[in-house]
Amino acid sequence: MRQTVGFADDLALALELADVADAVTATRFRAADLRVSHKPDRTPVTDADTAAEDAMRGVLALRRPDDAVLGEERGGPEGGAAAGRAWVLDPVDGTKNFSRGMPVWGTLIALTDSGRPVVGVASAPALGRRWWASAGGGAHGSDAGGTRRLSVSGVRELDDACLSTTELSTWVELGALDRYLALSARCWVSRAWGDFWQHMLVAEGAIDLAVDGEANPWDLAAVQVIVTEAGGRFSDLDGVERHDGGSGLSSNGALHGQALAALRHHCAPPDPEEHARA
């Protein structure tokens, strides 16, 4: 595996890929002739999704021809992107918002090395926002006011926490609505900002917890490195720190074990990492 210092050029390339994708998606956002269809799982896909992924893949074919690519629209290597270096692309995260003209959507770009996310970028041109991180290099965000380093909140009790999920219907479909409501009942306030944005709000310290009951690797790979480099924690709902476990929980770190315990409907044993941080 490359050392941390070796990821600077990969992060620079990921930011270039975000520029390439933004040039496609921003042009198609709210376009009168936007074409929307549905995939076999009934989720929407637009011509911007496929065009943006194709544009990024074109750059990677020239700049990183030996790296694997896993994308939401065009697929990738059999078995995912567990071995070696792989770019994980979600050209439009929040396609439902995009297709309805709502500005909360973005492109997610990650580089994984032996299955571990080491570079992540989330670009939301309609919001005028971008977030990025690399392993060991910290997390940063930019908006009209400039660039700043990201840091999670210092909230330590669920009673004081702000929680977000993507949509309650997912929990209903999973037969796990009671699990989410158990966590929500413990928190000070809960909202549904959803998709990548809720996780970026955790990384910024604006909220404290973001949970997806069901998600794909391309939804979470960039999220994982950005949240963790901002000082937070990321895991699936079993508590395993992975982006490809089918679910995702971002936290400020201090609340992670408490949130998992609430979702499990029983008191979890003390988290040694949290105890060490206390």
C-alpha atoms as a PDB file:
ATOM      1  CA  MET A   1       0.000   0.000   0.000  1.00  0.00           C
ATOM      2  CA  ARG A   2       1.229   3.509  -0.737  1.00  0.00           C
ATOM      3  CA  GLN A   3       2.255   5.739   2.134  1.00  0.00           C
ATOM      4  CA  THR A   4      -0.020   8.651   3.016  1.00  0.00           C
ATOM      5  CA  VAL A   5       2.231  11.180   1.274  1.00  0.00           C
ATOM      6  CA  GLY A   6       1.652   9.268  -1.947  1.00  0.00           C
ATOM      7  CA  PHE A   7      -2.031  10.177  -2.058  1.00  0.00           C
ATOM      8  CA  ALA A   8      -1.541  13.881  -2.769  1.00  0.00           C
ATOM      9  CA  ASP A   9      -1.455  13.338  -6.532  1.00  0.00           C
ATOM     10  CA  ASP A  10      -4.502  11.055  -6.296  1.00  0.00           C
ATOM     11  CA  LEU A  11      -6.428  13.713  -4.382  1.00  0.00           C
ATOM     12  CA  ALA A  12      -5.479  16.291  -7.005  1.00  0.00           C
ATOM     13  CA  LEU A  13      -6.796  13.950  -9.690  1.00  0.00           C
ATOM     14  CA  ALA A  14     -10.012  13.326  -7.734  1.00  0.00           C
ATOM     15  CA  LEU A  15     -10.588  17.081  -7.577  1.00  0.00           C
ATOM     16  CA  GLU A  16     -10.024  17.282 -11.341  1.00  0.00           C
ATOM     17  CA  LEU A  17     -12.575  14.505 -11.816  1.00  0.00           C
ATOM     18  CA  ALA A  18     -15.030  16.530  -9.733  1.00  0.00           C
ATOM     19  CA  ASP A  19     -14.492  19.492 -12.063  1.00  0.00           C
ATOM     20  CA  VAL A  20     -15.148  17.237 -15.057  1.00  0.00           C
ATOM     21  CA  ALA A  21     -18.345  15.880 -13.528  1.00  0.00           C
ATOM     22  CA  ASP A  22     -19.546  19.328 -12.435  1.00  0.00           C
ATOM     23  CA  ALA A  23     -19.202  20.584 -15.994  1.00  0.00           C
ATOM     24  CA  VAL A  24     -21.666  17.888 -17.080  1.00  0.00           C
ATOM     25  CA  THR A  25     -24.119  17.865 -14.192  1.00  0.00           C
ATOM     26  CA  ALA A  26     -24.418  21.629 -13.697  1.00  0.00           C
ATOM     27  CA  THR A  27     -25.311  22.039 -17.363  1.00  0.00           C
ATOM     28  CA  ARG A  28     -28.024  19.362 -17.210  1.00  0.00           C
ATOM     29  CA  PHE A  29     -29.493  20.437 -13.861  1.00  0.00           C
ATOM     30  CA  ARG A  30     -33.004  21.810 -14.410  1.00  0.00           C
ATOM     31  CA  ALA A  31     -32.612  21.339 -18.174  1.00  0.00           C
ATOM     32  CA  ALA A  32     -35.943  21.278 -19.965  1.00  0.00           C
ATOM     33  CA  ASP A  33     -34.878  18.241 -22.003  1.00  0.00           C
ATOM     34  CA  LEU A  34     -33.414  16.223 -19.115  1.00  0.00           C
ATOM     35  CA  ARG A  35     -34.029  12.536 -19.785  1.00  0.00           C
ATOM     36  CA  VAL A  36     -35.082  10.455 -16.772  1.00  0.00           C
ATOM     37  CA  SER A  37     -35.527   6.685 -16.842  1.00  0.00           C
ATOM     38  CA  HIS A  38     -35.628   3.961 -14.202  1.00  0.00           C
ATOM     39  CA  LYS A  39     -33.259   1.111 -13.466  1.00  0.00           C
ATOM     40  CA  PRO A  40     -34.466  -2.412 -12.630  1.00  0.00           C
ATOM     41  CA  ASP A  41     -34.517  -1.505  -8.915  1.00  0.00           C
ATOM     42  CA  ARG A  42     -36.900   1.378  -9.789  1.00  0.00           C
ATOM     43  CA  THR A  43     -34.378   4.073  -8.836  1.00  0.00           C
ATOM     44  CA  PRO A  44     -34.166   6.968 -11.299  1.00  0.00           C
ATOM     45  CA  VAL A  45     -31.248   7.615 -13.629  1.00  0.00           C
ATOM     46  CA  THR A  46     -30.782  10.668 -15.838  1.00  0.00           C
ATOM     47  CA  ASP A  47     -28.645  11.344 -18.879  1.00  0.00           C
ATOM     48  CA  ALA A  48     -26.456  13.440 -16.560  1.00  0.00           C
ATOM     49  CA  ASP A  49     -25.661  10.384 -14.401  1.00  0.00           C
ATOM     50  CA  THR A  50     -24.337   8.342 -17.302  1.00  0.00           C
ATOM     51  CA  ALA A  51     -22.615  11.248 -19.076  1.00  0.00           C
ATOM     52  CA  ALA A  52     -20.792  12.359 -15.913  1.00  0.00           C
ATOM     53  CA  GLU A  53     -19.604   8.842 -15.110  1.00  0.00           C
ATOM     54  CA  ASP A  54     -18.443   8.320 -18.700  1.00  0.00           C
ATOM     55  CA  ALA A  55     -16.519  11.604 -18.598  1.00  0.00           C
ATOM     56  CA  MET A  56     -14.740  10.634 -15.384  1.00  0.00           C
ATOM     57  CA  ARG A  57     -13.976   7.168 -16.694  1.00  0.00           C
ATOM     58  CA  GLY A  58     -12.446   8.733 -19.795  1.00  0.00           C
ATOM     59  CA  VAL A  59     -10.035  10.752 -17.679  1.00  0.00           C
ATOM     60  CA  LEU A  60      -9.126   7.758 -15.535  1.00  0.00           C
ATOM     61  CA  ALA A  61      -8.459   5.611 -18.598  1.00  0.00           C
ATOM     62  CA  LEU A  62      -5.788   8.124 -19.606  1.00  0.00           C
ATOM     63  CA  ARG A  63      -4.390   9.078 -16.210  1.00  0.00           C
ATOM     64  CA  ARG A  64      -4.726   5.846 -14.193  1.00  0.00           C
ATOM     65  CA  PRO A  65      -5.045   3.051 -16.769  1.00  0.00           C
ATOM     66  CA  ASP A  66      -3.953   0.366 -14.310  1.00  0.00           C
ATOM     67  CA  ASP A  67      -6.529   1.249 -11.656  1.00  0.00           C
ATOM     68  CA  ALA A  68      -9.911  -0.464 -11.476  1.00  0.00           C
ATOM     69  CA  VAL A  69     -13.094   1.602 -11.666  1.00  0.00           C
ATOM     70  CA  LEU A  70     -16.398   0.854  -9.938  1.00  0.00           C
ATOM     71  CA  GLY A  71     -19.274   3.164 -10.857  1.00  0.00           C
ATOM     72  CA  GLU A  72     -22.959   3.253 -10.021  1.00  0.00           C
ATOM     73  CA  GLU A  73     -24.072   3.391 -13.652  1.00  0.00           C
ATOM     74  CA  ARG A  74     -21.446   1.333 -15.507  1.00  0.00           C
ATOM     75  CA  GLY A  75     -20.536  -1.221 -12.861  1.00  0.00           C
ATOM     76  CA  GLY A  76     -17.032  -2.454 -12.301  1.00  0.00           C
ATOM     77  CA  PRO A  77     -14.842  -5.427 -11.460  1.00  0.00           C
ATOM     78  CA  GLU A  78     -16.554  -8.622 -10.385  1.00  0.00           C
ATOM     79  CA  GLY A  79     -16.697  -8.753  -6.607  1.00  0.00           C
ATOM     80  CA  GLY A  80     -16.496  -4.968  -6.295  1.00  0.00           C
ATOM     81  CA  ALA A  81     -13.308  -3.052  -5.659  1.00  0.00           C
ATOM     82  CA  ALA A  82     -11.683  -4.971  -2.815  1.00  0.00           C
ATOM     83  CA  ALA A  83      -8.265  -5.708  -4.331  1.00  0.00           C
ATOM     84  CA  GLY A  84      -5.603  -3.223  -5.354  1.00  0.00           C
ATOM     85  CA  ARG A  85      -6.428   0.353  -6.280  1.00  0.00           C
ATOM     86  CA  ALA A  86      -9.925   1.230  -7.428  1.00  0.00           C
ATOM     87  CA  TRP A  87     -11.823   4.437  -8.112  1.00  0.00           C
ATOM     88  CA  VAL A  88     -15.381   4.365  -6.808  1.00  0.00           C
ATOM     89  CA  LEU A  89     -17.741   6.781  -8.574  1.00  0.00           C
ATOM     90  CA  ASP A  90     -21.259   8.009  -7.937  1.00  0.00           C
ATOM     91  CA  PRO A  91     -21.872  10.573 -10.689  1.00  0.00           C
ATOM     92  CA  VAL A  92     -25.063  11.969  -9.124  1.00  0.00           C
ATOM     93  CA  ASP A  93     -25.789  11.071  -5.541  1.00  0.00           C
ATOM     94  CA  GLY A  94     -29.319  12.316  -4.916  1.00  0.00           C
ATOM     95  CA  THR A  95     -30.720  11.667  -8.385  1.00  0.00           C
ATOM     96  CA  LYS A  96     -34.288  12.023  -7.086  1.00  0.00           C
ATOM     97  CA  ASN A  97     -33.465  15.577  -6.011  1.00  0.00           C
ATOM     98  CA  PHE A  98     -31.589  16.268  -9.237  1.00  0.00           C
ATOM     99  CA  SER A  99     -34.458  15.092 -11.409  1.00  0.00           C
ATOM    100  CA  ARG A 100     -36.949  17.285  -9.519  1.00  0.00           C
ATOM    101  CA  GLY A 101     -34.797  20.412  -9.657  1.00  0.00           C
ATOM    102  CA  MET A 102     -33.806  20.374  -5.964  1.00  0.00           C
ATOM    103  CA  PRO A 103     -30.182  21.473  -5.396  1.00  0.00           C
ATOM    104  CA  VAL A 104     -29.142  18.844  -2.829  1.00  0.00           C
ATOM    105  CA  TRP A 105     -27.201  16.398  -4.991  1.00  0.00           C
ATOM    106  CA  GLY A 106     -23.542  15.810  -5.684  1.00  0.00           C
ATOM    107  CA  THR A 107     -20.833  13.741  -7.301  1.00  0.00           C
ATOM    108  CA  LEU A 108     -18.927  11.324  -5.051  1.00  0.00           C
ATOM    109  CA  ILE A 109     -15.411  10.214  -5.968  1.00  0.00           C
ATOM    110  CA  ALA A 110     -13.241   7.889  -3.910  1.00  0.00           C
ATOM    111  CA  LEU A 111     -10.022   5.969  -4.292  1.00  0.00           C
ATOM    112  CA  THR A 112      -9.758   2.723  -2.369  1.00  0.00           C
ATOM    113  CA  ASP A 113      -6.486   0.922  -1.759  1.00  0.00           C
ATOM    114  CA  SER A 114      -6.917  -2.778  -0.908  1.00  0.00           C
ATOM    115  CA  GLY A 115     -10.536  -2.013  -0.059  1.00  0.00           C
ATOM    116  CA  ARG A 116      -9.820   0.961   2.222  1.00  0.00           C
ATOM    117  CA  PRO A 117     -10.949   4.451   1.138  1.00  0.00           C
ATOM    118  CA  VAL A 118      -7.911   6.727   1.093  1.00  0.00           C
ATOM    119  CA  VAL A 119      -9.166   9.669  -0.992  1.00  0.00           C
ATOM    120  CA  GLY A 120     -12.645  11.137  -1.072  1.00  0.00           C
ATOM    121  CA  VAL A 121     -14.334  14.075  -2.788  1.00  0.00           C
ATOM    122  CA  ALA A 122     -17.966  15.186  -2.645  1.00  0.00           C
ATOM    123  CA  SER A 123     -18.855  18.001  -5.021  1.00  0.00           C
ATOM    124  CA  ALA A 124     -22.235  19.761  -4.944  1.00  0.00           C
ATOM    125  CA  PRO A 125     -22.172  22.487  -7.611  1.00  0.00           C
ATOM    126  CA  ALA A 126     -25.819  23.507  -7.172  1.00  0.00           C
ATOM    127  CA  LEU A 127     -25.038  24.248  -3.508  1.00  0.00           C
ATOM    128  CA  GLY A 128     -21.718  25.868  -4.349  1.00  0.00           C
ATOM    129  CA  ARG A 129     -20.011  23.424  -1.980  1.00  0.00           C
ATOM    130  CA  ARG A 130     -17.228  20.867  -2.111  1.00  0.00           C
ATOM    131  CA  TRP A 131     -15.640  18.578   0.497  1.00  0.00           C
ATOM    132  CA  TRP A 132     -12.474  16.479   0.220  1.00  0.00           C
ATOM    133  CA  ALA A 133     -10.005  14.415   2.230  1.00  0.00           C
ATOM    134  CA  SER A 134      -7.079  12.035   1.951  1.00  0.00           C
ATOM    135  CA  ALA A 135      -5.782   9.494   4.445  1.00  0.00           C
ATOM    136  CA  GLY A 136      -3.674  11.320   6.993  1.00  0.00           C
ATOM    137  CA  GLY A 137      -4.190  14.667   5.281  1.00  0.00           C
ATOM    138  CA  GLY A 138      -7.293  15.914   7.069  1.00  0.00           C
ATOM    139  CA  ALA A 139     -10.644  16.929   5.617  1.00  0.00           C
ATOM    140  CA  HIS A 140     -11.468  20.262   4.000  1.00  0.00           C
ATOM    141  CA  GLY A 141     -14.469  22.038   2.572  1.00  0.00           C
ATOM    142  CA  SER A 142     -15.048  25.053   0.366  1.00  0.00           C
ATOM    143  CA  ASP A 143     -17.885  27.424  -0.379  1.00  0.00           C
ATOM    144  CA  ALA A 144     -18.280  31.059  -1.406  1.00  0.00           C
ATOM    145  CA  GLY A 145     -16.499  32.094   1.771  1.00  0.00           C
ATOM    146  CA  GLY A 146     -13.335  30.144   0.976  1.00  0.00           C
ATOM    147  CA  THR A 147     -11.718  26.926   2.176  1.00  0.00           C
ATOM    148  CA  ARG A 148     -11.548  25.618   5.728  1.00  0.00           C
ATOM    149  CA  ARG A 149     -10.469  22.501   7.563  1.00  0.00           C
ATOM    150  CA  LEU A 150     -13.353  20.348   8.739  1.00  0.00           C
ATOM    151  CA  SER A 151     -13.904  19.166  12.298  1.00  0.00           C
ATOM    152  CA  VAL A 152     -16.756  17.208  13.840  1.00  0.00           C
ATOM    153  CA  SER A 153     -18.828  18.432  16.768  1.00  0.00           C
ATOM    154  CA  GLY A 154     -18.022  17.941  20.442  1.00  0.00           C
ATOM    155  CA  VAL A 155     -21.480  16.706  21.474  1.00  0.00           C
ATOM    156  CA  ARG A 156     -21.133  13.734  23.820  1.00  0.00           C
ATOM    157  CA  GLU A 157     -24.693  12.699  24.732  1.00  0.00           C
ATOM    158  CA  LEU A 158     -27.528  11.536  22.494  1.00  0.00           C
ATOM    159  CA  ASP A 159     -29.901  13.822  24.388  1.00  0.00           C
ATOM    160  CA  ASP A 160     -28.030  16.773  22.841  1.00  0.00           C
ATOM    161  CA  ALA A 161     -27.504  15.236  19.393  1.00  0.00           C
ATOM    162  CA  CYS A 162     -28.825  16.187  15.979  1.00  0.00           C
ATOM    163  CA  LEU A 163     -29.590  13.133  13.810  1.00  0.00           C
ATOM    164  CA  SER A 164     -30.365  12.715  10.106  1.00  0.00           C
ATOM    165  CA  THR A 165     -31.349   9.854   7.828  1.00  0.00           C
ATOM    166  CA  THR A 166     -32.113   9.683   4.119  1.00  0.00           C
ATOM    167  CA  GLU A 167     -35.718   8.488   4.056  1.00  0.00           C
ATOM    168  CA  LEU A 168     -37.984   6.644   6.461  1.00  0.00           C
ATOM    169  CA  SER A 169     -39.343   4.428   3.697  1.00  0.00           C
ATOM    170  CA  THR A 170     -36.006   2.593   3.584  1.00  0.00           C
ATOM    171  CA  TRP A 171     -36.367   1.608   7.220  1.00  0.00           C
ATOM    172  CA  VAL A 172     -39.944   0.489   6.569  1.00  0.00           C
ATOM    173  CA  GLU A 173     -38.821  -1.684   3.635  1.00  0.00           C
ATOM    174  CA  LEU A 174     -36.092  -3.203   5.804  1.00  0.00           C
ATOM    175  CA  GLY A 175     -38.604  -3.970   8.535  1.00  0.00           C
ATOM    176  CA  ALA A 176     -36.448  -1.890  10.870  1.00  0.00           C
ATOM    177  CA  LEU A 177     -38.376   1.335  11.359  1.00  0.00           C
ATOM    178  CA  ASP A 178     -38.569   0.652  15.080  1.00  0.00           C
ATOM    179  CA  ARG A 179     -34.762   0.586  15.220  1.00  0.00           C
ATOM    180  CA  TYR A 180     -34.438   4.014  13.660  1.00  0.00           C
ATOM    181  CA  LEU A 181     -37.246   5.446  15.784  1.00  0.00           C
ATOM    182  CA  ALA A 182     -35.506   4.086  18.901  1.00  0.00           C
ATOM    183  CA  LEU A 183     -32.415   6.089  17.992  1.00  0.00           C
ATOM    184  CA  SER A 184     -34.440   9.139  17.005  1.00  0.00           C
ATOM    185  CA  ALA A 185     -36.270   9.101  20.325  1.00  0.00           C
ATOM    186  CA  ARG A 186     -32.937   9.342  22.138  1.00  0.00           C
ATOM    187  CA  CYS A 187     -31.772  12.395  20.187  1.00  0.00           C
ATOM    188  CA  TRP A 188     -32.499  16.079  20.691  1.00  0.00           C
ATOM    189  CA  VAL A 189     -33.683  16.571  17.115  1.00  0.00           C
ATOM    190  CA  SER A 190     -33.964  14.432  13.977  1.00  0.00           C
ATOM    191  CA  ARG A 191     -34.283  15.487  10.354  1.00  0.00           C
ATOM    192  CA  ALA A 192     -33.923  13.905   6.898  1.00  0.00           C
ATOM    193  CA  TRP A 193     -31.340  15.943   5.006  1.00  0.00           C
ATOM    194  CA  GLY A 194     -30.374  12.690   3.333  1.00  0.00           C
ATOM    195  CA  ASP A 195     -27.849  11.196   0.943  1.00  0.00           C
ATOM    196  CA  PHE A 196     -24.250  12.456   0.968  1.00  0.00           C
ATOM    197  CA  TRP A 197     -25.149  15.868   2.429  1.00  0.00           C
ATOM    198  CA  GLN A 198     -26.080  14.566   5.856  1.00  0.00           C
ATOM    199  CA  HIS A 199     -22.667  12.918   6.178  1.00  0.00           C
ATOM    200  CA  MET A 200     -20.920  16.105   5.101  1.00  0.00           C
ATOM    201  CA  LEU A 201     -22.878  17.963   7.779  1.00  0.00           C
ATOM    202  CA  VAL A 202     -21.432  15.510  10.301  1.00  0.00           C
ATOM    203  CA  ALA A 203     -17.922  16.173   8.980  1.00  0.00           C
ATOM    204  CA  GLU A 204     -18.518  19.933   9.327  1.00  0.00           C
ATOM    205  CA  GLY A 205     -19.805  19.615  12.886  1.00  0.00           C
ATOM    206  CA  ALA A 206     -23.228  21.008  11.927  1.00  0.00           C
ATOM    207  CA  ILE A 207     -24.952  17.780  12.999  1.00  0.00           C
ATOM    208  CA  ASP A 208     -23.742  14.830  15.040  1.00  0.00           C
ATOM    209  CA  LEU A 209     -25.116  11.642  13.467  1.00  0.00           C
ATOM    210  CA  ALA A 210     -26.131  10.513   9.973  1.00  0.00           C
ATOM    211  CA  VAL A 211     -27.456   7.037   9.274  1.00  0.00           C
ATOM    212  CA  ASP A 212     -28.348   5.135   6.111  1.00  0.00           C
ATOM    213  CA  GLY A 213     -30.204   1.894   6.669  1.00  0.00           C
ATOM    214  CA  GLU A 214     -29.296   0.749   3.180  1.00  0.00           C
ATOM    215  CA  ALA A 215     -26.577   2.056   0.860  1.00  0.00           C
ATOM    216  CA  ASN A 216     -24.103   1.003  -1.832  1.00  0.00           C
ATOM    217  CA  PRO A 217     -20.301   1.257  -1.835  1.00  0.00           C
ATOM    218  CA  TRP A 218     -20.348   4.263  -4.199  1.00  0.00           C
ATOM    219  CA  ASP A 219     -22.671   6.069  -1.775  1.00  0.00           C
ATOM    220  CA  LEU A 220     -20.277   5.687   1.140  1.00  0.00           C
ATOM    221  CA  ALA A 221     -16.634   5.317   0.071  1.00  0.00           C
ATOM    222  CA  ALA A 222     -15.939   9.048  -0.204  1.00  0.00           C
ATOM    223  CA  VAL A 223     -18.064   9.696   2.874  1.00  0.00           C
ATOM    224  CA  GLN A 224     -15.971   7.341   5.009  1.00  0.00           C
ATOM    225  CA  VAL A 225     -12.638   9.049   4.431  1.00  0.00           C
ATOM    226  CA  ILE A 226     -14.055  12.583   4.695  1.00  0.00           C
ATOM    227  CA  VAL A 227     -15.850  11.908   7.985  1.00  0.00           C
ATOM    228  CA  THR A 228     -12.953  10.051   9.573  1.00  0.00           C
ATOM    229  CA  GLU A 229     -10.390  12.642   8.499  1.00  0.00           C
ATOM    230  CA  ALA A 230     -12.630  15.300  10.073  1.00  0.00           C
ATOM    231  CA  GLY A 231     -12.211  13.458  13.379  1.00  0.00           C
ATOM    232  CA  GLY A 232     -15.392  11.391  13.279  1.00  0.00           C
ATOM    233  CA  ARG A 233     -16.157   7.717  12.941  1.00  0.00           C
ATOM    234  CA  PHE A 234     -17.820   5.755  10.166  1.00  0.00           C
ATOM    235  CA  SER A 235     -19.085   2.180  10.163  1.00  0.00           C
ATOM    236  CA  ASP A 236     -21.880  -0.023   8.919  1.00  0.00           C
ATOM    237  CA  LEU A 237     -24.769  -0.696  11.291  1.00  0.00           C
ATOM    238  CA  ASP A 238     -22.937  -3.711  12.715  1.00  0.00           C
ATOM    239  CA  GLY A 239     -20.174  -1.369  13.852  1.00  0.00           C
ATOM    240  CA  VAL A 240     -17.642  -2.550  11.263  1.00  0.00           C
ATOM    241  CA  GLU A 241     -15.590   0.282   9.787  1.00  0.00           C
ATOM    242  CA  ARG A 242     -16.286  -0.378   6.127  1.00  0.00           C
ATOM    243  CA  HIS A 243     -18.023   1.373   3.223  1.00  0.00           C
ATOM    244  CA  ASP A 244     -19.275  -1.773   1.527  1.00  0.00           C
ATOM    245  CA  GLY A 245     -21.343  -3.321   4.317  1.00  0.00           C
ATOM    246  CA  GLY A 246     -24.686  -2.238   2.867  1.00  0.00           C
ATOM    247  CA  SER A 247     -25.387   0.478   5.441  1.00  0.00           C
ATOM    248  CA  GLY A 248     -23.664   3.470   6.972  1.00  0.00           C
ATOM    249  CA  LEU A 249     -23.392   5.433  10.206  1.00  0.00           C
ATOM    250  CA  SER A 250     -21.394   8.662  10.442  1.00  0.00           C
ATOM    251  CA  SER A 251     -20.822  10.240  13.823  1.00  0.00           C
ATOM    252  CA  ASN A 252     -18.638  12.694  15.659  1.00  0.00           C
ATOM    253  CA  GLY A 253     -16.987   9.681  17.285  1.00  0.00           C
ATOM    254  CA  ALA A 254     -18.137  10.340  20.829  1.00  0.00           C
ATOM    255  CA  LEU A 255     -21.675   9.220  20.006  1.00  0.00           C
ATOM    256  CA  HIS A 256     -20.925   6.231  17.825  1.00  0.00           C
ATOM    257  CA  GLY A 257     -21.318   3.458  20.376  1.00  0.00           C
ATOM    258  CA  GLN A 258     -24.425   5.076  21.872  1.00  0.00           C
ATOM    259  CA  ALA A 259     -26.038   5.311  18.442  1.00  0.00           C
ATOM    260  CA  LEU A 260     -25.260   1.691  17.584  1.00  0.00           C
ATOM    261  CA  ALA A 261     -26.660   0.580  20.932  1.00  0.00           C
ATOM    262  CA  ALA A 262     -29.903   2.484  20.346  1.00  0.00           C
ATOM    263  CA  LEU A 263     -30.243   0.941  16.890  1.00  0.00           C
ATOM    264  CA  ARG A 264     -29.727  -2.529  18.341  1.00  0.00           C
ATOM    265  CA  HIS A 265     -32.416  -2.087  21.005  1.00  0.00           C
ATOM    266  CA  HIS A 266     -30.095  -3.076  23.830  1.00  0.00           C
ATOM    267  CA  CYS A 267     -27.175  -1.636  25.702  1.00  0.00           C
ATOM    268  CA  ALA A 268     -23.952  -2.340  23.887  1.00  0.00           C
ATOM    269  CA  PRO A 269     -20.774  -3.053  25.873  1.00  0.00           C
ATOM    270  CA  PRO A 270     -18.522  -0.046  26.440  1.00  0.00           C
ATOM    271  CA  ASP A 271     -16.629   1.016  23.343  1.00  0.00           C
ATOM    272  CA  PRO A 272     -12.886   0.925  24.201  1.00  0.00           C
ATOM    273  CA  GLU A 273     -12.027   3.508  21.539  1.00  0.00           C
ATOM    274  CA  GLU A 274     -14.577   5.939  22.925  1.00  0.00           C
ATOM    275  CA  HIS A 275     -13.344   5.304  26.487  1.00  0.00           C
ATOM    276  CA  ALA A 276      -9.799   6.111  25.379  1.00  0.00           C
ATOM    277  CA  ARG A 277     -10.985   9.385  23.851  1.00  0.00           C
ATOM    278  CA  ALA A 278     -12.933  10.451  26.938  1.00  0.00           C
END
